[in-house]
Amino acid sequence: MILSNITVPLLGAVDTAVLGHLSSPEYLSGVAIGASVISMLLWAFGFLRMGTTGLVARANDDADGAAWLLRALCLAGVLGSLLLLLASPLLPVIVQWMNASAEASPHAHAYLQIRLLSAPLALANFALLGFFIGRLDSRAPLAILVTANLLNIVLDLLLILGLGMGAQGAAWASVCADVCGFAMGLWLMGKRHQPAVTQIRRVLLESNFWPWRNAAPWRELLHINADLFVRTCLLLFTLTFFTAQGAAQGDTVLAANAILLQLLMMTSYALDGFAHATESLVGRAVGRRSMAQFVRTNAAAGTWALTSAVLITLLLIGGEHWILPLFTNIPAVLSASLEYYTWLCALPLVAVWSYQLDGVFIGAGKSRQMRDTMIIATVMVFLPCWWLTRHWGNDGIWFSLFLWFGARSCGLMVYFYNYTKNNHWMSLELR
């Protein structure tokens, strides 16, 4: 799962590095804004991955797991189509809200127009990845993400550097990767999970699968996903707000923050590998009502996650002067990146518990607690802190992000302690 996850921010890192070596920071700034917006729009529906993982992990048999996947794919198709139709007319307003400069705005707008074309497939990919993780199949996500992202990287180099397409080249490369990932996912379903494919065919022929005949499973799917939707929207709002505040301080600060955020995403996705493994293992434990398996899973995953966070922090500290030049050779952007690099080094040790405990609560199906913790962290910690530290400039927004991660970790720790103490994990009511 770590290898699978690292390929996602690695792709963004390659985008950043390729654009960061062009003649002007406006290309990198435009794609930074466009990528931030598309992440907000697509990852707002990341519940399709998280919710599917927990439901499939807790499923009792192939038929049950296949039915949950099919429901998630149907929901992904509907939501992706609506996103494509409704978001496109709003792009100029969205780019303006992001405080894009006059030079960066055209690049951001062009990037977004193209990227939205693959929205339905991108959401369907979330559902497929959730199914594979829920079935403890970590090799399928690795194959999908590595293949799609390698294609994206090759197309980045060809379209941006070779053909000079700039932001549009980065967008088309990502669209092709989404198509490739979906096709790869379907192929792996047939190759590695034939019993589930057989059950999908059977489920489709059953009249009580559809919501107008049997609404209870669809209500459960929507209930869990609604909580995760709110949680994910607040997460993406925070990161998008962070990018917008950097943009308000000029293209140089925006470009520097884009580089540091790419590095933060790489550390986050790496640490999320343990969280994703925890999702499926905790889901199995809850599905089987095995408290012993639940405790073993959390002890092992927590130990490895903390160890990895320490190693990542040491790597960032030791690699300060060779990591950043990989992303840009523009002196002003490099200098600004170095100025705020300390914040990046401090974050993994604080953020690791928010990632790891997210995995526990997703696997156990306790989505409401994740939603409430995120609301508190965003509304009561991040935004007030940003308001009070506006005069600090970019340091203020980084400090606010640091406290936001800390609030998420502390909130989930409190829930975890209370639920473990009172043995609520194995209760029949999983929400």
Protein backbone atom coordinates (compact mmCIF):
# COMPACT_ATOMS: atom_id res chain seq x y z
CA MET A 1 0.00 0.00 0.00
CA ILE A 2 2.93 2.38 0.65
CA LEU A 3 4.29 1.74 -2.84
CA SER A 4 0.81 2.22 -4.31
CA ASN A 5 0.22 5.46 -2.46
CA ILE A 6 3.60 7.00 -3.22
CA THR A 7 2.89 6.83 -6.95
CA VAL A 8 0.02 9.33 -6.53
CA PRO A 9 2.00 12.30 -5.14
CA LEU A 10 4.99 11.20 -7.23
CA LEU A 11 2.92 12.05 -10.27
CA GLY A 12 2.18 15.50 -8.87
CA ALA A 13 5.85 15.86 -8.02
CA VAL A 14 6.81 15.14 -11.62
CA ASP A 15 4.25 17.69 -12.85
CA THR A 16 5.73 20.21 -10.45
CA ALA A 17 9.32 19.40 -11.37
CA VAL A 18 8.73 19.56 -15.13
CA LEU A 19 6.80 22.83 -14.95
CA GLY A 20 9.21 24.21 -12.35
CA HIS A 21 12.03 24.00 -14.89
CA LEU A 22 10.23 26.05 -17.53
CA SER A 23 11.18 29.66 -18.09
CA SER A 24 8.60 31.30 -15.81
CA PRO A 25 6.84 30.41 -12.52
CA GLU A 26 3.42 31.27 -14.02
CA TYR A 27 3.16 27.78 -15.59
CA LEU A 28 3.80 26.10 -12.24
CA SER A 29 1.47 28.56 -10.48
CA GLY A 30 -1.34 27.93 -12.99
CA VAL A 31 -1.13 24.16 -12.70
CA ALA A 32 -0.76 24.43 -8.89
CA ILE A 33 -4.08 26.26 -8.78
CA GLY A 34 -5.71 23.95 -11.33
CA ALA A 35 -4.47 20.81 -9.58
CA SER A 36 -5.64 22.14 -6.22
CA VAL A 37 -9.14 22.81 -7.59
CA ILE A 38 -9.41 19.46 -9.39
CA SER A 39 -8.26 17.73 -6.20
CA MET A 40 -11.01 19.53 -4.32
CA LEU A 41 -13.61 18.57 -6.91
CA LEU A 42 -12.54 14.93 -7.33
CA TRP A 43 -11.33 14.08 -3.86
CA ALA A 44 -14.50 15.52 -2.38
CA PHE A 45 -15.86 12.19 -3.65
CA GLY A 46 -12.99 10.21 -2.15
CA PHE A 47 -15.60 8.65 0.13
CA LEU A 48 -16.22 6.27 -2.78
CA ARG A 49 -12.83 4.71 -2.00
CA MET A 50 -13.00 4.89 1.79
CA GLY A 51 -16.63 3.86 2.15
CA THR A 52 -16.25 0.97 -0.29
CA THR A 53 -13.17 -0.33 1.53
CA GLY A 54 -14.92 -0.55 4.88
CA LEU A 55 -18.13 -2.05 3.50
CA VAL A 56 -16.31 -4.68 1.43
CA ALA A 57 -13.97 -5.56 4.32
CA ARG A 58 -16.92 -6.16 6.63
CA ALA A 59 -18.86 -8.15 3.97
CA ASN A 60 -19.57 -11.76 4.84
CA ASP A 61 -19.12 -13.29 1.36
CA ASP A 62 -18.31 -12.61 -2.32
CA ALA A 63 -21.92 -11.78 -3.19
CA ASP A 64 -22.15 -9.15 -0.47
CA GLY A 65 -18.80 -7.60 -1.42
CA ALA A 66 -19.69 -7.58 -5.13
CA ALA A 67 -23.01 -5.86 -4.41
CA TRP A 68 -21.27 -3.09 -2.46
CA LEU A 69 -18.81 -2.55 -5.33
CA LEU A 70 -21.62 -2.38 -7.87
CA ARG A 71 -23.54 0.16 -5.78
CA ALA A 72 -20.38 2.28 -5.45
CA LEU A 73 -19.75 2.15 -9.22
CA CYS A 74 -23.32 3.24 -9.95
CA LEU A 75 -22.96 6.13 -7.52
CA ALA A 76 -19.59 7.07 -9.06
CA GLY A 77 -21.08 7.19 -12.55
CA VAL A 78 -23.93 9.46 -11.50
CA LEU A 79 -21.76 11.81 -9.43
CA GLY A 80 -18.99 11.98 -12.03
CA SER A 81 -21.43 12.91 -14.78
CA LEU A 82 -23.03 15.60 -12.64
CA LEU A 83 -19.60 16.99 -11.75
CA LEU A 84 -18.64 17.20 -15.41
CA LEU A 85 -21.87 18.98 -16.35
CA LEU A 86 -22.15 21.37 -13.41
CA ALA A 87 -18.54 22.35 -12.68
CA SER A 88 -17.47 23.38 -16.19
CA PRO A 89 -19.54 26.61 -16.35
CA LEU A 90 -18.18 27.68 -12.95
CA LEU A 91 -14.48 27.41 -13.76
CA PRO A 92 -13.84 31.16 -14.30
CA VAL A 93 -15.40 31.94 -10.91
CA ILE A 94 -13.41 29.17 -9.21
CA VAL A 95 -10.10 30.35 -10.69
CA GLN A 96 -10.86 33.92 -9.63
CA TRP A 97 -11.71 32.77 -6.10
CA MET A 98 -8.29 31.10 -5.93
CA ASN A 99 -6.60 34.52 -6.28
CA ALA A 100 -4.78 33.49 -9.44
CA SER A 101 -2.64 36.18 -11.01
CA ALA A 102 -3.44 37.52 -14.48
CA GLU A 103 -0.51 35.51 -15.89
CA ALA A 104 -1.41 32.22 -14.16
CA SER A 105 -5.22 32.34 -14.68
CA PRO A 106 -5.28 31.19 -18.34
CA HIS A 107 -3.10 28.19 -17.54
CA ALA A 108 -5.27 27.22 -14.56
CA HIS A 109 -8.49 27.53 -16.59
CA ALA A 110 -7.14 25.47 -19.51
CA TYR A 111 -5.89 22.76 -17.14
CA LEU A 112 -9.27 22.46 -15.40
CA GLN A 113 -11.34 22.35 -18.59
CA ILE A 114 -9.40 19.34 -19.82
CA ARG A 115 -9.07 17.51 -16.50
CA LEU A 116 -12.83 17.46 -15.89
CA LEU A 117 -13.34 15.29 -18.98
CA SER A 118 -12.28 12.17 -17.10
CA ALA A 119 -14.23 12.90 -13.89
CA PRO A 120 -16.63 9.89 -14.15
CA LEU A 121 -13.75 7.46 -14.68
CA ALA A 122 -11.69 9.05 -11.90
CA LEU A 123 -14.54 8.48 -9.43
CA ALA A 124 -15.09 4.93 -10.69
CA ASN A 125 -11.40 4.29 -10.03
CA PHE A 126 -11.97 5.24 -6.38
CA ALA A 127 -14.63 2.54 -6.06
CA LEU A 128 -12.42 -0.09 -7.70
CA LEU A 129 -9.47 0.74 -5.46
CA GLY A 130 -11.74 0.57 -2.41
CA PHE A 131 -12.90 -2.91 -3.42
CA PHE A 132 -9.36 -4.22 -3.89
CA ILE A 133 -8.16 -2.79 -0.56
CA GLY A 134 -11.22 -4.15 1.23
CA ARG A 135 -10.41 -7.61 -0.16
CA LEU A 136 -6.82 -7.34 1.18
CA ASP A 137 -5.54 -7.24 -2.40
CA SER A 138 -2.78 -4.62 -2.26
CA ARG A 139 -1.10 -5.72 -5.50
CA ALA A 140 -4.01 -4.66 -7.71
CA PRO A 141 -3.94 -1.01 -6.55
CA LEU A 142 -0.17 -1.05 -6.98
CA ALA A 143 -0.48 -2.30 -10.56
CA ILE A 144 -3.24 0.20 -11.39
CA LEU A 145 -1.54 3.25 -9.90
CA VAL A 146 1.97 2.45 -11.13
CA THR A 147 0.78 1.78 -14.68
CA ALA A 148 -1.45 4.86 -14.85
CA ASN A 149 1.06 7.19 -13.25
CA LEU A 150 4.00 5.96 -15.31
CA LEU A 151 1.92 6.68 -18.40
CA ASN A 152 1.15 10.11 -16.98
CA ILE A 153 4.83 10.83 -16.36
CA VAL A 154 5.85 9.76 -19.86
CA LEU A 155 3.09 11.90 -21.37
CA ASP A 156 4.13 14.83 -19.14
CA LEU A 157 7.63 14.73 -20.57
CA LEU A 158 6.35 14.28 -24.13
CA LEU A 159 3.57 16.88 -24.09
CA ILE A 160 5.12 19.55 -21.84
CA LEU A 161 8.80 19.40 -22.73
CA GLY A 162 8.60 17.73 -26.12
CA LEU A 163 5.61 19.51 -27.66
CA GLY A 164 5.60 22.63 -25.47
CA MET A 165 1.93 22.25 -24.45
CA GLY A 166 2.47 23.59 -20.92
CA ALA A 167 -0.54 23.30 -18.58
CA GLN A 168 -2.69 21.69 -21.28
CA GLY A 169 -0.11 18.95 -21.72
CA ALA A 170 -0.16 18.20 -17.99
CA ALA A 171 -3.96 18.00 -18.08
CA TRP A 172 -4.16 15.67 -21.09
CA ALA A 173 -1.55 13.40 -19.52
CA SER A 174 -3.73 13.08 -16.41
CA VAL A 175 -6.88 12.37 -18.45
CA CYS A 176 -5.11 9.55 -20.29
CA ALA A 177 -3.93 8.16 -16.94
CA ASP A 178 -7.52 8.08 -15.60
CA VAL A 179 -8.69 6.13 -18.65
CA CYS A 180 -5.76 3.73 -18.35
CA GLY A 181 -6.38 3.22 -14.63
CA PHE A 182 -10.05 2.34 -15.12
CA ALA A 183 -9.29 -0.13 -17.91
CA MET A 184 -6.56 -1.71 -15.80
CA GLY A 185 -8.92 -2.02 -12.84
CA LEU A 186 -11.57 -3.83 -14.87
CA TRP A 187 -8.96 -6.19 -16.29
CA LEU A 188 -7.61 -7.01 -12.83
CA MET A 189 -11.13 -7.61 -11.52
CA GLY A 190 -11.61 -10.33 -14.11
CA LYS A 191 -8.14 -11.78 -13.57
CA ARG A 192 -7.82 -11.73 -9.77
CA HIS A 193 -11.42 -11.75 -8.47
CA GLN A 194 -13.40 -13.95 -10.82
CA PRO A 195 -15.84 -15.11 -8.09
CA ALA A 196 -16.74 -11.47 -7.42
CA VAL A 197 -17.23 -10.83 -11.16
CA THR A 198 -19.55 -13.83 -11.32
CA GLN A 199 -21.49 -12.49 -8.35
CA ILE A 200 -21.76 -9.04 -9.99
CA ARG A 201 -23.45 -10.63 -12.99
CA ARG A 202 -25.83 -12.47 -10.69
CA VAL A 203 -26.54 -9.39 -8.59
CA LEU A 204 -27.38 -7.35 -11.69
CA LEU A 205 -30.08 -9.88 -12.58
CA GLU A 206 -31.66 -9.69 -9.15
CA SER A 207 -34.57 -7.27 -9.01
CA ASN A 208 -34.04 -6.47 -5.32
CA PHE A 209 -30.56 -5.01 -5.96
CA TRP A 210 -31.92 -1.69 -7.20
CA PRO A 211 -32.87 1.03 -4.71
CA TRP A 212 -36.53 1.15 -5.69
CA ARG A 213 -36.87 -2.51 -4.66
CA ASN A 214 -34.48 -2.71 -1.69
CA ALA A 215 -33.52 0.72 -0.34
CA ALA A 216 -31.81 -0.33 2.93
CA PRO A 217 -28.29 -1.06 1.54
CA TRP A 218 -28.38 2.12 -0.54
CA ARG A 219 -29.34 4.15 2.52
CA GLU A 220 -26.43 2.61 4.45
CA LEU A 221 -24.07 3.45 1.59
CA LEU A 222 -25.32 7.04 1.42
CA HIS A 223 -25.26 7.45 5.20
CA ILE A 224 -21.62 6.43 5.54
CA ASN A 225 -20.59 8.31 2.43
CA ALA A 226 -22.39 11.49 3.50
CA ASP A 227 -20.26 11.70 6.66
CA LEU A 228 -17.10 10.99 4.69
CA PHE A 229 -18.15 13.55 2.06
CA VAL A 230 -18.39 16.31 4.68
CA ARG A 231 -15.06 15.25 6.18
CA THR A 232 -13.31 15.16 2.79
CA CYS A 233 -14.80 18.49 1.67
CA LEU A 234 -13.44 20.17 4.81
CA LEU A 235 -10.04 18.56 4.27
CA LEU A 236 -9.88 19.77 0.69
CA PHE A 237 -11.25 23.18 1.64
CA THR A 238 -8.37 23.58 4.07
CA LEU A 239 -5.73 22.62 1.51
CA THR A 240 -7.35 24.75 -1.19
CA PHE A 241 -7.64 27.69 1.19
CA PHE A 242 -3.97 27.20 2.00
CA THR A 243 -3.11 27.41 -1.72
CA ALA A 244 -5.31 30.48 -2.20
CA GLN A 245 -3.62 32.32 0.67
CA GLY A 246 -0.24 31.55 -0.87
CA ALA A 247 -1.48 32.84 -4.22
CA ALA A 248 -2.50 36.11 -2.58
CA GLN A 249 1.17 36.63 -1.65
CA GLY A 250 2.41 36.35 -5.24
CA ASP A 251 3.45 33.71 -7.75
CA THR A 252 6.79 33.07 -6.04
CA VAL A 253 5.25 32.16 -2.68
CA LEU A 254 2.52 30.18 -4.45
CA ALA A 255 5.10 28.20 -6.42
CA ALA A 256 7.17 27.57 -3.26
CA ASN A 257 4.10 26.36 -1.37
CA ALA A 258 3.20 24.12 -4.32
CA ILE A 259 6.59 22.40 -4.04
CA LEU A 260 6.35 22.00 -0.27
CA LEU A 261 2.79 20.70 -0.54
CA GLN A 262 3.93 18.11 -3.09
CA LEU A 263 6.52 16.91 -0.59
CA LEU A 264 3.88 16.92 2.16
CA MET A 265 1.59 14.86 -0.04
CA MET A 266 4.38 12.36 -0.67
CA THR A 267 4.92 11.89 3.07
CA SER A 268 1.14 11.77 3.67
CA TYR A 269 0.51 9.12 1.03
CA ALA A 270 3.45 7.05 2.26
CA LEU A 271 2.14 7.08 5.83
CA ASP A 272 -1.37 6.42 4.52
CA GLY A 273 -0.13 3.01 3.38
CA PHE A 274 -0.40 1.75 6.95
CA ALA A 275 -3.79 3.46 7.33
CA HIS A 276 -5.15 1.74 4.21
CA ALA A 277 -3.91 -1.63 5.39
CA THR A 278 -5.52 -0.90 8.75
CA GLU A 279 -8.86 -0.15 7.05
CA SER A 280 -9.15 -3.62 5.59
CA LEU A 281 -7.74 -5.47 8.60
CA VAL A 282 -9.87 -3.55 11.12
CA GLY A 283 -12.89 -4.11 8.85
CA ARG A 284 -12.22 -7.85 8.93
CA ALA A 285 -11.85 -7.77 12.72
CA VAL A 286 -15.11 -5.87 13.20
CA GLY A 287 -16.92 -8.07 10.68
CA ARG A 288 -15.83 -11.14 12.63
CA ARG A 289 -16.31 -9.47 16.05
CA SER A 290 -12.68 -10.27 16.94
CA MET A 291 -11.30 -7.80 19.49
CA ALA A 292 -8.00 -9.69 19.61
CA GLN A 293 -7.43 -9.16 15.88
CA PHE A 294 -8.44 -5.51 16.27
CA VAL A 295 -5.84 -4.93 19.01
CA ARG A 296 -3.07 -6.76 17.13
CA THR A 297 -3.74 -4.79 13.97
CA ASN A 298 -3.63 -1.41 15.70
CA ALA A 299 -0.53 -2.22 17.73
CA ALA A 300 1.44 -3.33 14.68
CA ALA A 301 0.21 -0.57 12.35
CA GLY A 302 0.72 2.17 14.94
CA THR A 303 4.28 1.06 15.65
CA TRP A 304 5.24 0.95 11.97
CA ALA A 305 3.50 4.23 11.19
CA LEU A 306 5.35 6.10 13.95
CA THR A 307 8.68 4.55 12.94
CA SER A 308 8.10 5.60 9.35
CA ALA A 309 7.16 9.15 10.40
CA VAL A 310 10.44 9.48 12.32
CA LEU A 311 12.46 8.18 9.36
CA ILE A 312 10.68 10.53 6.94
CA THR A 313 11.36 13.51 9.22
CA LEU A 314 15.06 12.61 9.42
CA LEU A 315 15.20 12.22 5.63
CA LEU A 316 13.62 15.63 5.09
CA ILE A 317 16.00 17.29 7.55
CA GLY A 318 19.07 15.67 6.00
CA GLY A 319 17.97 16.20 2.39
CA GLU A 320 17.03 19.86 2.52
CA HIS A 321 19.68 21.05 0.06
CA TRP A 322 19.27 18.31 -2.54
CA ILE A 323 15.51 17.62 -2.46
CA LEU A 324 14.27 21.12 -3.30
CA PRO A 325 16.53 21.67 -6.36
CA LEU A 326 14.92 18.59 -7.91
CA PHE A 327 11.69 20.60 -8.18
CA THR A 328 12.88 23.97 -9.42
CA ASN A 329 15.93 25.89 -10.59
CA ILE A 330 14.27 29.30 -10.31
CA PRO A 331 16.34 31.12 -7.62
CA ALA A 332 13.46 33.10 -6.08
CA VAL A 333 11.22 30.03 -5.77
CA LEU A 334 14.05 27.92 -4.35
CA SER A 335 14.86 30.59 -1.76
CA ALA A 336 11.22 30.88 -0.70
CA SER A 337 10.94 27.08 -0.42
CA LEU A 338 13.97 26.97 1.88
CA GLU A 339 12.48 29.70 4.06
CA TYR A 340 9.39 27.62 4.93
CA TYR A 341 10.99 24.17 4.79
CA THR A 342 11.08 23.78 8.60
CA TRP A 343 7.29 23.52 8.70
CA LEU A 344 7.40 20.61 6.28
CA CYS A 345 9.94 18.75 8.44
CA ALA A 346 7.78 19.13 11.56
CA LEU A 347 4.50 17.93 10.08
CA PRO A 348 4.94 14.11 9.70
CA LEU A 349 5.29 13.49 13.44
CA VAL A 350 2.09 15.41 14.16
CA ALA A 351 0.04 14.30 11.13
CA VAL A 352 0.81 10.58 11.26
CA TRP A 353 -1.87 9.88 13.88
CA SER A 354 -4.58 11.64 11.89
CA TYR A 355 -3.81 9.33 8.95
CA GLN A 356 -3.51 6.18 11.02
CA LEU A 357 -6.63 6.68 13.09
CA ASP A 358 -8.62 7.58 9.98
CA GLY A 359 -7.86 4.04 8.82
CA VAL A 360 -9.20 2.59 12.07
CA PHE A 361 -12.47 4.52 11.94
CA ILE A 362 -13.01 3.83 8.22
CA GLY A 363 -12.51 0.10 8.74
CA ALA A 364 -14.87 0.06 11.72
CA GLY A 365 -17.50 2.04 9.81
CA LYS A 366 -17.51 4.90 12.33
CA SER A 367 -17.65 7.75 9.85
CA ARG A 368 -19.50 10.23 12.06
CA GLN A 369 -16.55 10.53 14.42
CA MET A 370 -14.22 11.36 11.53
CA ARG A 371 -16.67 14.01 10.32
CA ASP A 372 -17.03 15.64 13.74
CA THR A 373 -13.28 15.72 14.34
CA MET A 374 -12.67 17.36 10.98
CA ILE A 375 -15.36 19.99 11.62
CA ILE A 376 -13.76 20.94 14.94
CA ALA A 377 -10.23 21.00 13.49
CA THR A 378 -11.24 23.19 10.54
CA VAL A 379 -13.84 25.55 12.01
CA MET A 380 -12.53 25.90 15.56
CA VAL A 381 -8.76 25.58 15.03
CA PHE A 382 -7.54 26.22 11.48
CA LEU A 383 -9.65 29.22 10.47
CA PRO A 384 -9.37 31.12 13.79
CA CYS A 385 -5.62 30.49 13.87
CA TRP A 386 -5.23 31.79 10.31
CA TRP A 387 -7.24 34.89 11.17
CA LEU A 388 -5.12 35.63 14.24
CA THR A 389 -1.79 35.07 12.45
CA ARG A 390 -2.48 36.85 9.15
CA HIS A 391 0.25 39.37 9.93
CA TRP A 392 2.76 36.51 9.98
CA GLY A 393 2.43 36.13 6.21
CA ASN A 394 3.12 32.65 4.85
CA ASP A 395 4.38 31.46 8.23
CA GLY A 396 0.90 32.09 9.61
CA ILE A 397 -0.82 29.81 7.13
CA TRP A 398 1.78 27.07 7.71
CA PHE A 399 1.35 27.38 11.49
CA SER A 400 -2.41 27.09 11.06
CA LEU A 401 -1.96 23.94 8.98
CA PHE A 402 0.31 22.49 11.67
CA LEU A 403 -2.32 23.05 14.38
CA TRP A 404 -5.03 21.66 12.06
CA PHE A 405 -3.19 18.34 11.78
CA GLY A 406 -2.61 18.35 15.52
CA ALA A 407 -6.29 18.93 16.26
CA ARG A 408 -7.31 16.08 13.96
CA SER A 409 -4.85 13.71 15.63
CA CYS A 410 -5.91 14.68 19.16
CA GLY A 411 -9.63 14.47 18.39
CA LEU A 412 -9.36 10.98 16.91
CA MET A 413 -7.14 9.86 19.81
CA VAL A 414 -9.86 10.88 22.28
CA TYR A 415 -12.49 8.94 20.34
CA PHE A 416 -10.18 5.93 20.00
CA TYR A 417 -9.41 5.88 23.74
CA ASN A 418 -13.05 6.15 24.77
CA TYR A 419 -14.26 3.54 22.28
CA THR A 420 -11.52 1.10 23.30
CA LYS A 421 -12.11 1.67 27.01
CA ASN A 422 -15.86 1.07 26.65
CA ASN A 423 -15.49 -1.73 24.06
CA HIS A 424 -17.62 0.04 21.46
CA TRP A 425 -15.69 -1.23 18.43
CA MET A 426 -17.47 -4.58 18.33
CA SER A 427 -20.97 -3.18 18.89
CA LEU A 428 -23.69 -4.06 16.44
CA GLU A 429 -24.23 -0.39 15.60
CA LEU A 430 -21.17 0.35 13.45
CA ARG A 431 -21.74 4.02 12.66
